[in-house]
Amino acid sequence: MAKTNPIEFLRQVRQETSKVTWPTRKETLITTGMVFVMGLVAALFFFLVDSVLRFGVQFVLGLGS
């Protein structure tokens, strides 16, 4: 692969950047909201699973006394 000088490299970067399809503000806000909602759903799921497992372990360990 041939080496290019820094100025040619920057020109190529600008050219490739102009080809990128950037998301609109609305798309960005919707995607961000979806990430927060899915994070909340995952946190609630793991909280519930942890609570059930904690209850089960306490029940099993409590049988011996």
N, C-alpha and C. Protein backbone atom coordinates (compact mmCIF):
# COMPACT_ATOMS: atom_id res chain seq x y z
N MET A 1 0.84 -1.18 0.00
CA MET A 1 0.00 0.00 0.00
C MET A 1 0.89 1.24 0.00
N ALA A 2 0.62 2.15 -0.91
CA ALA A 2 1.44 3.35 -1.03
C ALA A 2 1.09 4.33 0.09
N LYS A 3 2.13 4.98 0.59
CA LYS A 3 1.92 5.99 1.63
C LYS A 3 1.45 7.28 0.98
N THR A 4 0.52 7.95 1.67
CA THR A 4 0.06 9.25 1.19
C THR A 4 0.52 10.32 2.16
N ASN A 5 0.68 11.52 1.64
CA ASN A 5 1.09 12.59 2.54
C ASN A 5 -0.10 13.05 3.37
N PRO A 6 0.14 13.75 4.47
CA PRO A 6 -0.95 14.14 5.37
C PRO A 6 -2.05 14.97 4.72
N ILE A 7 -1.70 15.83 3.81
CA ILE A 7 -2.71 16.68 3.16
C ILE A 7 -3.63 15.83 2.29
N GLU A 8 -3.05 14.89 1.54
CA GLU A 8 -3.86 13.99 0.71
C GLU A 8 -4.76 13.12 1.60
N PHE A 9 -4.21 12.68 2.73
CA PHE A 9 -4.98 11.87 3.67
C PHE A 9 -6.19 12.66 4.18
N LEU A 10 -5.99 13.89 4.59
CA LEU A 10 -7.10 14.72 5.08
C LEU A 10 -8.14 14.96 3.99
N ARG A 11 -7.68 15.13 2.76
CA ARG A 11 -8.62 15.31 1.65
C ARG A 11 -9.48 14.06 1.48
N GLN A 12 -8.85 12.89 1.58
CA GLN A 12 -9.59 11.64 1.45
C GLN A 12 -10.57 11.45 2.61
N VAL A 13 -10.15 11.84 3.80
CA VAL A 13 -11.04 11.74 4.97
C VAL A 13 -12.27 12.61 4.77
N ARG A 14 -12.06 13.84 4.32
CA ARG A 14 -13.21 14.73 4.07
C ARG A 14 -14.13 14.15 3.01
N GLN A 15 -13.55 13.57 1.98
CA GLN A 15 -14.34 12.98 0.90
C GLN A 15 -15.18 11.82 1.43
N GLU A 16 -14.59 10.95 2.24
CA GLU A 16 -15.32 9.80 2.79
C GLU A 16 -16.36 10.26 3.80
N THR A 17 -16.05 11.29 4.60
CA THR A 17 -17.00 11.81 5.58
C THR A 17 -18.23 12.38 4.90
N SER A 18 -18.06 12.95 3.72
CA SER A 18 -19.22 13.51 3.02
C SER A 18 -20.16 12.42 2.53
N LYS A 19 -19.69 11.17 2.44
CA LYS A 19 -20.53 10.06 1.99
C LYS A 19 -21.37 9.46 3.12
N VAL A 20 -21.05 9.83 4.36
CA VAL A 20 -21.74 9.25 5.52
C VAL A 20 -23.16 9.80 5.60
N THR A 21 -24.11 8.92 5.88
CA THR A 21 -25.49 9.35 6.11
C THR A 21 -25.65 9.58 7.61
N TRP A 22 -25.72 10.84 8.01
CA TRP A 22 -25.80 11.18 9.43
C TRP A 22 -27.25 11.10 9.89
N PRO A 23 -27.50 10.63 11.11
CA PRO A 23 -28.88 10.56 11.61
C PRO A 23 -29.43 11.95 11.89
N THR A 24 -30.74 12.06 11.76
CA THR A 24 -31.38 13.33 12.07
C THR A 24 -31.47 13.48 13.59
N ARG A 25 -31.81 14.68 14.03
CA ARG A 25 -31.96 14.93 15.47
C ARG A 25 -33.05 14.05 16.05
N LYS A 26 -34.14 13.89 15.31
CA LYS A 26 -35.25 13.07 15.78
C LYS A 26 -34.83 11.61 15.94
N GLU A 27 -34.10 11.08 14.94
CA GLU A 27 -33.62 9.70 15.02
C GLU A 27 -32.69 9.50 16.21
N THR A 28 -31.83 10.49 16.46
CA THR A 28 -30.90 10.40 17.58
C THR A 28 -31.65 10.41 18.91
N LEU A 29 -32.65 11.27 19.05
CA LEU A 29 -33.42 11.33 20.29
C LEU A 29 -34.21 10.05 20.52
N ILE A 30 -34.82 9.50 19.47
CA ILE A 30 -35.59 8.26 19.59
C ILE A 30 -34.66 7.11 19.99
N THR A 31 -33.51 7.01 19.35
CA THR A 31 -32.57 5.94 19.66
C THR A 31 -32.05 6.07 21.09
N THR A 32 -31.74 7.29 21.52
CA THR A 32 -31.28 7.51 22.89
C THR A 32 -32.36 7.11 23.89
N GLY A 33 -33.60 7.48 23.61
CA GLY A 33 -34.70 7.09 24.49
C GLY A 33 -34.85 5.58 24.57
N MET A 34 -34.71 4.90 23.44
CA MET A 34 -34.81 3.44 23.43
C MET A 34 -33.70 2.81 24.26
N VAL A 35 -32.50 3.36 24.21
CA VAL A 35 -31.39 2.84 24.99
C VAL A 35 -31.69 2.98 26.48
N PHE A 36 -32.21 4.12 26.90
CA PHE A 36 -32.55 4.32 28.32
C PHE A 36 -33.67 3.38 28.76
N VAL A 37 -34.68 3.20 27.93
CA VAL A 37 -35.79 2.30 28.27
C VAL A 37 -35.29 0.86 28.38
N MET A 38 -34.49 0.41 27.44
CA MET A 38 -33.98 -0.95 27.49
C MET A 38 -33.04 -1.14 28.69
N GLY A 39 -32.28 -0.12 29.03
CA GLY A 39 -31.44 -0.19 30.23
C GLY A 39 -32.27 -0.33 31.48
N LEU A 40 -33.38 0.40 31.55
CA LEU A 40 -34.29 0.31 32.69
C LEU A 40 -34.95 -1.07 32.76
N VAL A 41 -35.39 -1.59 31.62
CA VAL A 41 -36.00 -2.92 31.58
C VAL A 41 -34.99 -3.98 32.03
N ALA A 42 -33.76 -3.89 31.56
CA ALA A 42 -32.73 -4.86 31.96
C ALA A 42 -32.44 -4.75 33.45
N ALA A 43 -32.37 -3.53 33.98
CA ALA A 43 -32.11 -3.34 35.41
C ALA A 43 -33.23 -3.94 36.24
N LEU A 44 -34.48 -3.72 35.84
CA LEU A 44 -35.62 -4.29 36.58
C LEU A 44 -35.62 -5.82 36.50
N PHE A 45 -35.31 -6.36 35.34
CA PHE A 45 -35.26 -7.81 35.17
C PHE A 45 -34.22 -8.42 36.11
N PHE A 46 -33.01 -7.87 36.10
CA PHE A 46 -31.96 -8.43 36.95
C PHE A 46 -32.24 -8.20 38.44
N PHE A 47 -32.91 -7.10 38.77
CA PHE A 47 -33.32 -6.89 40.16
C PHE A 47 -34.30 -7.97 40.60
N LEU A 48 -35.28 -8.26 39.76
CA LEU A 48 -36.26 -9.29 40.10
C LEU A 48 -35.61 -10.68 40.19
N VAL A 49 -34.75 -11.02 39.25
CA VAL A 49 -34.07 -12.32 39.29
C VAL A 49 -33.21 -12.41 40.55
N ASP A 50 -32.50 -11.35 40.89
CA ASP A 50 -31.66 -11.34 42.08
C ASP A 50 -32.51 -11.49 43.34
N SER A 51 -33.66 -10.85 43.37
CA SER A 51 -34.54 -10.95 44.54
C SER A 51 -35.07 -12.37 44.70
N VAL A 52 -35.46 -12.99 43.61
CA VAL A 52 -35.98 -14.36 43.67
C VAL A 52 -34.87 -15.32 44.12
N LEU A 53 -33.68 -15.17 43.57
CA LEU A 53 -32.57 -16.03 43.97
C LEU A 53 -32.19 -15.81 45.43
N ARG A 54 -32.19 -14.56 45.88
CA ARG A 54 -31.88 -14.27 47.28
C ARG A 54 -32.91 -14.91 48.19
N PHE A 55 -34.19 -14.80 47.84
CA PHE A 55 -35.24 -15.43 48.63
C PHE A 55 -35.06 -16.94 48.66
N GLY A 56 -34.75 -17.55 47.53
CA GLY A 56 -34.55 -19.00 47.47
C GLY A 56 -33.38 -19.46 48.32
N VAL A 57 -32.26 -18.73 48.27
CA VAL A 57 -31.09 -19.11 49.07
C VAL A 57 -31.39 -18.93 50.55
N GLN A 58 -32.06 -17.84 50.93
CA GLN A 58 -32.42 -17.63 52.33
C GLN A 58 -33.38 -18.71 52.81
N PHE A 59 -34.29 -19.14 51.96
CA PHE A 59 -35.24 -20.19 52.34
C PHE A 59 -34.51 -21.51 52.56
N VAL A 60 -33.62 -21.85 51.63
CA VAL A 60 -32.86 -23.11 51.75
C VAL A 60 -31.96 -23.08 52.98
N LEU A 61 -31.24 -22.00 53.19
CA LEU A 61 -30.35 -21.90 54.33
C LEU A 61 -31.13 -21.82 55.65
N GLY A 62 -32.32 -21.31 55.60
CA GLY A 62 -33.14 -21.19 56.82
C GLY A 62 -33.73 -22.51 57.25
N LEU A 63 -33.82 -23.50 56.35
CA LEU A 63 -34.39 -24.81 56.68
C LEU A 63 -33.52 -25.55 57.67
N GLY A 64 -32.20 -25.33 57.66
CA GLY A 64 -31.31 -26.07 58.52
C GLY A 64 -31.33 -25.63 59.96
N SER A 65 -31.90 -24.49 60.28
CA SER A 65 -31.86 -24.03 61.66
C SER A 65 -33.14 -24.24 62.42
